[in-house]
Amino acid sequence: MPLGVALTGAIRAVKPLAGPALDLYAAVQPAGDRHLLGRPEFKAMFLDDLLNGSRFQMTAPLADLLLFTREWGFRLADVRVPVRWWHGDDDHIVPFRHGRHCVERLPDATLTVIDGESHLGGLGIGRSVLEELVALGSRPRAV
């Protein structure tokens, strides 16, 4: 947590450079992320979250790193609820093969491939994801 708080402080210290820095970051990302980060409304939301989020915001990526190195306390095969998984097939941060690997181990999971999208691709299809989840929630379930 201390490292995450320090990183958050460092990001806030360079606030005036955040827009150009995000543009440089976007320039070296896969096409899907580059496109999404080029949308003015998404860029504004991304910068606002990065600069004005909670003081613990940078602890999340560090917590992710820890999760990759430890047991989770359960196996994917033990998950008993339906899982819907959307994953970009050009994700350079969490490789697509990892998503497929996880879905194959979940008893009731559906993988939806987001063609040509990278790590941020799911944010660009939020409406369709929510529509699918609402439709799933309104279906009768067998008990």
C-alpha atoms as a PDB file:
ATOM      1  CA  MET A   1       0.000   0.000   0.000  1.00  0.00           C
ATOM      2  CA  PRO A   2       2.755   2.571   0.736  1.00  0.00           C
ATOM      3  CA  LEU A   3       4.192   2.101  -2.761  1.00  0.00           C
ATOM      4  CA  GLY A   4       0.744   2.603  -4.294  1.00  0.00           C
ATOM      5  CA  VAL A   5       0.176   5.817  -2.331  1.00  0.00           C
ATOM      6  CA  ALA A   6       3.620   7.072  -3.389  1.00  0.00           C
ATOM      7  CA  LEU A   7       2.875   6.315  -7.055  1.00  0.00           C
ATOM      8  CA  THR A   8      -0.459   8.127  -6.790  1.00  0.00           C
ATOM      9  CA  GLY A   9       1.329  11.160  -5.327  1.00  0.00           C
ATOM     10  CA  ALA A  10       3.899  11.098  -8.104  1.00  0.00           C
ATOM     11  CA  ILE A  11       1.161  11.003 -10.734  1.00  0.00           C
ATOM     12  CA  ARG A  12      -0.589  13.972  -9.141  1.00  0.00           C
ATOM     13  CA  ALA A  13       2.702  15.900  -8.999  1.00  0.00           C
ATOM     14  CA  VAL A  14       3.068  15.734 -12.769  1.00  0.00           C
ATOM     15  CA  LYS A  15      -0.589  16.642 -13.351  1.00  0.00           C
ATOM     16  CA  PRO A  16       0.141  19.364 -15.953  1.00  0.00           C
ATOM     17  CA  LEU A  17       1.903  16.776 -18.119  1.00  0.00           C
ATOM     18  CA  ALA A  18      -0.816  14.133 -17.784  1.00  0.00           C
ATOM     19  CA  GLY A  19      -2.592  14.833 -21.094  1.00  0.00           C
ATOM     20  CA  PRO A  20       0.546  14.752 -23.257  1.00  0.00           C
ATOM     21  CA  ALA A  21       1.880  11.768 -21.297  1.00  0.00           C
ATOM     22  CA  LEU A  22      -1.345   9.862 -21.952  1.00  0.00           C
ATOM     23  CA  ASP A  23      -1.054  10.742 -25.643  1.00  0.00           C
ATOM     24  CA  LEU A  24       2.494   9.312 -25.696  1.00  0.00           C
ATOM     25  CA  TYR A  25       1.306   6.181 -23.893  1.00  0.00           C
ATOM     26  CA  ALA A  26      -1.565   5.771 -26.348  1.00  0.00           C
ATOM     27  CA  ALA A  27       0.788   6.117 -29.314  1.00  0.00           C
ATOM     28  CA  VAL A  28       2.629   2.918 -28.375  1.00  0.00           C
ATOM     29  CA  GLN A  29      -0.457   0.856 -27.489  1.00  0.00           C
ATOM     30  CA  PRO A  30      -2.254  -1.634 -29.732  1.00  0.00           C
ATOM     31  CA  ALA A  31      -4.794  -0.150 -32.142  1.00  0.00           C
ATOM     32  CA  GLY A  32      -7.847  -0.885 -29.973  1.00  0.00           C
ATOM     33  CA  ASP A  33      -6.477   0.915 -26.921  1.00  0.00           C
ATOM     34  CA  ARG A  34      -5.050   3.714 -29.059  1.00  0.00           C
ATOM     35  CA  HIS A  35      -8.488   4.294 -30.602  1.00  0.00           C
ATOM     36  CA  LEU A  36     -10.256   4.284 -27.234  1.00  0.00           C
ATOM     37  CA  LEU A  37      -7.689   6.619 -25.628  1.00  0.00           C
ATOM     38  CA  GLY A  38      -8.091   8.938 -28.626  1.00  0.00           C
ATOM     39  CA  ARG A  39     -11.797   9.480 -27.929  1.00  0.00           C
ATOM     40  CA  PRO A  40     -12.057  12.836 -26.101  1.00  0.00           C
ATOM     41  CA  GLU A  41     -14.726  11.676 -23.635  1.00  0.00           C
ATOM     42  CA  PHE A  42     -12.805   8.516 -22.762  1.00  0.00           C
ATOM     43  CA  LYS A  43      -9.504  10.362 -22.461  1.00  0.00           C
ATOM     44  CA  ALA A  44     -11.148  12.896 -20.111  1.00  0.00           C
ATOM     45  CA  MET A  45     -12.640  10.102 -17.983  1.00  0.00           C
ATOM     46  CA  PHE A  46      -9.327   8.210 -17.908  1.00  0.00           C
ATOM     47  CA  LEU A  47      -7.362  11.314 -16.880  1.00  0.00           C
ATOM     48  CA  ASP A  48      -9.941  12.279 -14.254  1.00  0.00           C
ATOM     49  CA  ASP A  49      -9.799   8.807 -12.747  1.00  0.00           C
ATOM     50  CA  LEU A  50      -6.010   8.742 -12.816  1.00  0.00           C
ATOM     51  CA  LEU A  51      -5.574  12.227 -11.353  1.00  0.00           C
ATOM     52  CA  ASN A  52      -8.557  12.568  -9.049  1.00  0.00           C
ATOM     53  CA  GLY A  53      -9.334   9.045  -7.925  1.00  0.00           C
ATOM     54  CA  SER A  54      -8.824   7.903  -4.368  1.00  0.00           C
ATOM     55  CA  ARG A  55      -5.431   8.221  -2.757  1.00  0.00           C
ATOM     56  CA  PHE A  56      -5.138   4.421  -2.952  1.00  0.00           C
ATOM     57  CA  GLN A  57      -5.819   4.125  -6.704  1.00  0.00           C
ATOM     58  CA  MET A  58      -2.356   2.897  -7.676  1.00  0.00           C
ATOM     59  CA  THR A  59      -2.513   0.115  -5.103  1.00  0.00           C
ATOM     60  CA  ALA A  60      -4.881  -1.820  -7.410  1.00  0.00           C
ATOM     61  CA  PRO A  61      -2.265  -2.678 -10.087  1.00  0.00           C
ATOM     62  CA  LEU A  62       0.186  -3.637  -7.355  1.00  0.00           C
ATOM     63  CA  ALA A  63      -2.476  -5.859  -5.733  1.00  0.00           C
ATOM     64  CA  ASP A  64      -2.975  -7.499  -9.146  1.00  0.00           C
ATOM     65  CA  LEU A  65       0.725  -8.345  -9.263  1.00  0.00           C
ATOM     66  CA  LEU A  66       0.463  -9.983  -5.862  1.00  0.00           C
ATOM     67  CA  LEU A  67      -2.560 -12.006  -6.982  1.00  0.00           C
ATOM     68  CA  PHE A  68      -0.529 -13.441  -9.852  1.00  0.00           C
ATOM     69  CA  THR A  69       2.006 -14.827  -7.374  1.00  0.00           C
ATOM     70  CA  ARG A  70      -0.262 -16.367  -4.713  1.00  0.00           C
ATOM     71  CA  GLU A  71      -2.966 -18.932  -4.268  1.00  0.00           C
ATOM     72  CA  TRP A  72      -6.422 -17.346  -4.361  1.00  0.00           C
ATOM     73  CA  GLY A  73      -7.967 -19.540  -1.701  1.00  0.00           C
ATOM     74  CA  PHE A  74     -10.221 -21.310  -4.209  1.00  0.00           C
ATOM     75  CA  ARG A  75      -9.922 -23.113  -7.518  1.00  0.00           C
ATOM     76  CA  LEU A  76     -11.670 -21.891 -10.638  1.00  0.00           C
ATOM     77  CA  ALA A  77     -13.349 -25.306 -10.874  1.00  0.00           C
ATOM     78  CA  ASP A  78     -15.059 -24.563  -7.533  1.00  0.00           C
ATOM     79  CA  VAL A  79     -16.896 -21.454  -8.814  1.00  0.00           C
ATOM     80  CA  ARG A  80     -20.608 -22.351  -8.907  1.00  0.00           C
ATOM     81  CA  VAL A  81     -22.125 -19.221 -10.396  1.00  0.00           C
ATOM     82  CA  PRO A  82     -22.389 -18.462 -14.111  1.00  0.00           C
ATOM     83  CA  VAL A  83     -19.482 -16.382 -15.390  1.00  0.00           C
ATOM     84  CA  ARG A  84     -19.484 -14.221 -18.509  1.00  0.00           C
ATOM     85  CA  TRP A  85     -15.989 -13.246 -19.653  1.00  0.00           C
ATOM     86  CA  TRP A  86     -15.189 -10.665 -22.329  1.00  0.00           C
ATOM     87  CA  HIS A  87     -11.581 -10.518 -23.513  1.00  0.00           C
ATOM     88  CA  GLY A  88      -9.819  -8.667 -26.315  1.00  0.00           C
ATOM     89  CA  ASP A  89      -7.891 -10.985 -28.606  1.00  0.00           C
ATOM     90  CA  ASP A  90      -5.086  -8.394 -28.860  1.00  0.00           C
ATOM     91  CA  ASP A  91      -4.683  -7.778 -25.106  1.00  0.00           C
ATOM     92  CA  HIS A  92      -1.023  -7.056 -24.396  1.00  0.00           C
ATOM     93  CA  ILE A  93      -1.434  -6.807 -20.619  1.00  0.00           C
ATOM     94  CA  VAL A  94      -3.506  -9.917 -19.836  1.00  0.00           C
ATOM     95  CA  PRO A  95      -2.875 -12.249 -22.778  1.00  0.00           C
ATOM     96  CA  PHE A  96      -5.929 -13.711 -24.485  1.00  0.00           C
ATOM     97  CA  ARG A  97      -4.618 -17.227 -23.860  1.00  0.00           C
ATOM     98  CA  HIS A  98      -4.816 -16.525 -20.118  1.00  0.00           C
ATOM     99  CA  GLY A  99      -8.483 -15.572 -20.418  1.00  0.00           C
ATOM    100  CA  ARG A 100      -9.182 -18.721 -22.415  1.00  0.00           C
ATOM    101  CA  HIS A 101      -7.244 -20.768 -19.839  1.00  0.00           C
ATOM    102  CA  CYS A 102      -9.399 -19.400 -16.990  1.00  0.00           C
ATOM    103  CA  VAL A 103     -12.686 -19.844 -18.838  1.00  0.00           C
ATOM    104  CA  GLU A 104     -11.834 -23.459 -19.634  1.00  0.00           C
ATOM    105  CA  ARG A 105     -11.489 -24.141 -15.906  1.00  0.00           C
ATOM    106  CA  LEU A 106     -14.748 -22.475 -14.843  1.00  0.00           C
ATOM    107  CA  PRO A 107     -17.717 -24.903 -14.781  1.00  0.00           C
ATOM    108  CA  ASP A 108     -20.269 -22.446 -16.239  1.00  0.00           C
ATOM    109  CA  ALA A 109     -18.427 -19.792 -18.202  1.00  0.00           C
ATOM    110  CA  THR A 110     -18.893 -18.164 -21.556  1.00  0.00           C
ATOM    111  CA  LEU A 111     -16.009 -16.404 -23.294  1.00  0.00           C
ATOM    112  CA  THR A 112     -16.855 -13.563 -25.641  1.00  0.00           C
ATOM    113  CA  VAL A 113     -13.946 -12.547 -27.836  1.00  0.00           C
ATOM    114  CA  ILE A 114     -13.653  -8.827 -28.506  1.00  0.00           C
ATOM    115  CA  ASP A 115     -12.083  -8.942 -31.972  1.00  0.00           C
ATOM    116  CA  GLY A 116      -9.098  -6.675 -32.483  1.00  0.00           C
ATOM    117  CA  GLU A 117      -9.326  -5.177 -29.013  1.00  0.00           C
ATOM    118  CA  SER A 118      -6.667  -4.880 -26.379  1.00  0.00           C
ATOM    119  CA  HIS A 119      -6.748  -4.414 -22.640  1.00  0.00           C
ATOM    120  CA  LEU A 120      -9.186  -1.499 -22.558  1.00  0.00           C
ATOM    121  CA  GLY A 121     -11.544  -3.010 -25.134  1.00  0.00           C
ATOM    122  CA  GLY A 122     -14.189  -3.967 -22.606  1.00  0.00           C
ATOM    123  CA  LEU A 123     -14.647  -0.312 -21.686  1.00  0.00           C
ATOM    124  CA  GLY A 124     -15.634   0.448 -25.260  1.00  0.00           C
ATOM    125  CA  ILE A 125     -18.435  -2.124 -25.237  1.00  0.00           C
ATOM    126  CA  GLY A 126     -19.866  -1.374 -21.797  1.00  0.00           C
ATOM    127  CA  ARG A 127     -23.398  -0.863 -23.082  1.00  0.00           C
ATOM    128  CA  SER A 128     -23.591  -4.236 -24.828  1.00  0.00           C
ATOM    129  CA  VAL A 129     -22.037  -5.988 -21.794  1.00  0.00           C
ATOM    130  CA  LEU A 130     -24.632  -4.442 -19.484  1.00  0.00           C
ATOM    131  CA  GLU A 131     -27.465  -5.297 -21.885  1.00  0.00           C
ATOM    132  CA  GLU A 132     -26.357  -8.930 -21.964  1.00  0.00           C
ATOM    133  CA  LEU A 133     -26.068  -9.118 -18.184  1.00  0.00           C
ATOM    134  CA  VAL A 134     -29.502  -7.561 -17.693  1.00  0.00           C
ATOM    135  CA  ALA A 135     -30.974 -10.036 -20.194  1.00  0.00           C
ATOM    136  CA  LEU A 136     -29.326 -12.920 -18.315  1.00  0.00           C
ATOM    137  CA  GLY A 137     -30.671 -11.628 -15.017  1.00  0.00           C
ATOM    138  CA  SER A 138     -34.235 -11.513 -16.303  1.00  0.00           C
ATOM    139  CA  ARG A 139     -34.260 -15.136 -17.503  1.00  0.00           C
ATOM    140  CA  PRO A 140     -35.950 -17.715 -15.280  1.00  0.00           C
ATOM    141  CA  ARG A 141     -33.511 -19.995 -13.496  1.00  0.00           C
ATOM    142  CA  ALA A 142     -33.813 -23.659 -12.746  1.00  0.00           C
ATOM    143  CA  VAL A 143     -33.621 -24.313  -9.021  1.00  0.00           C
END
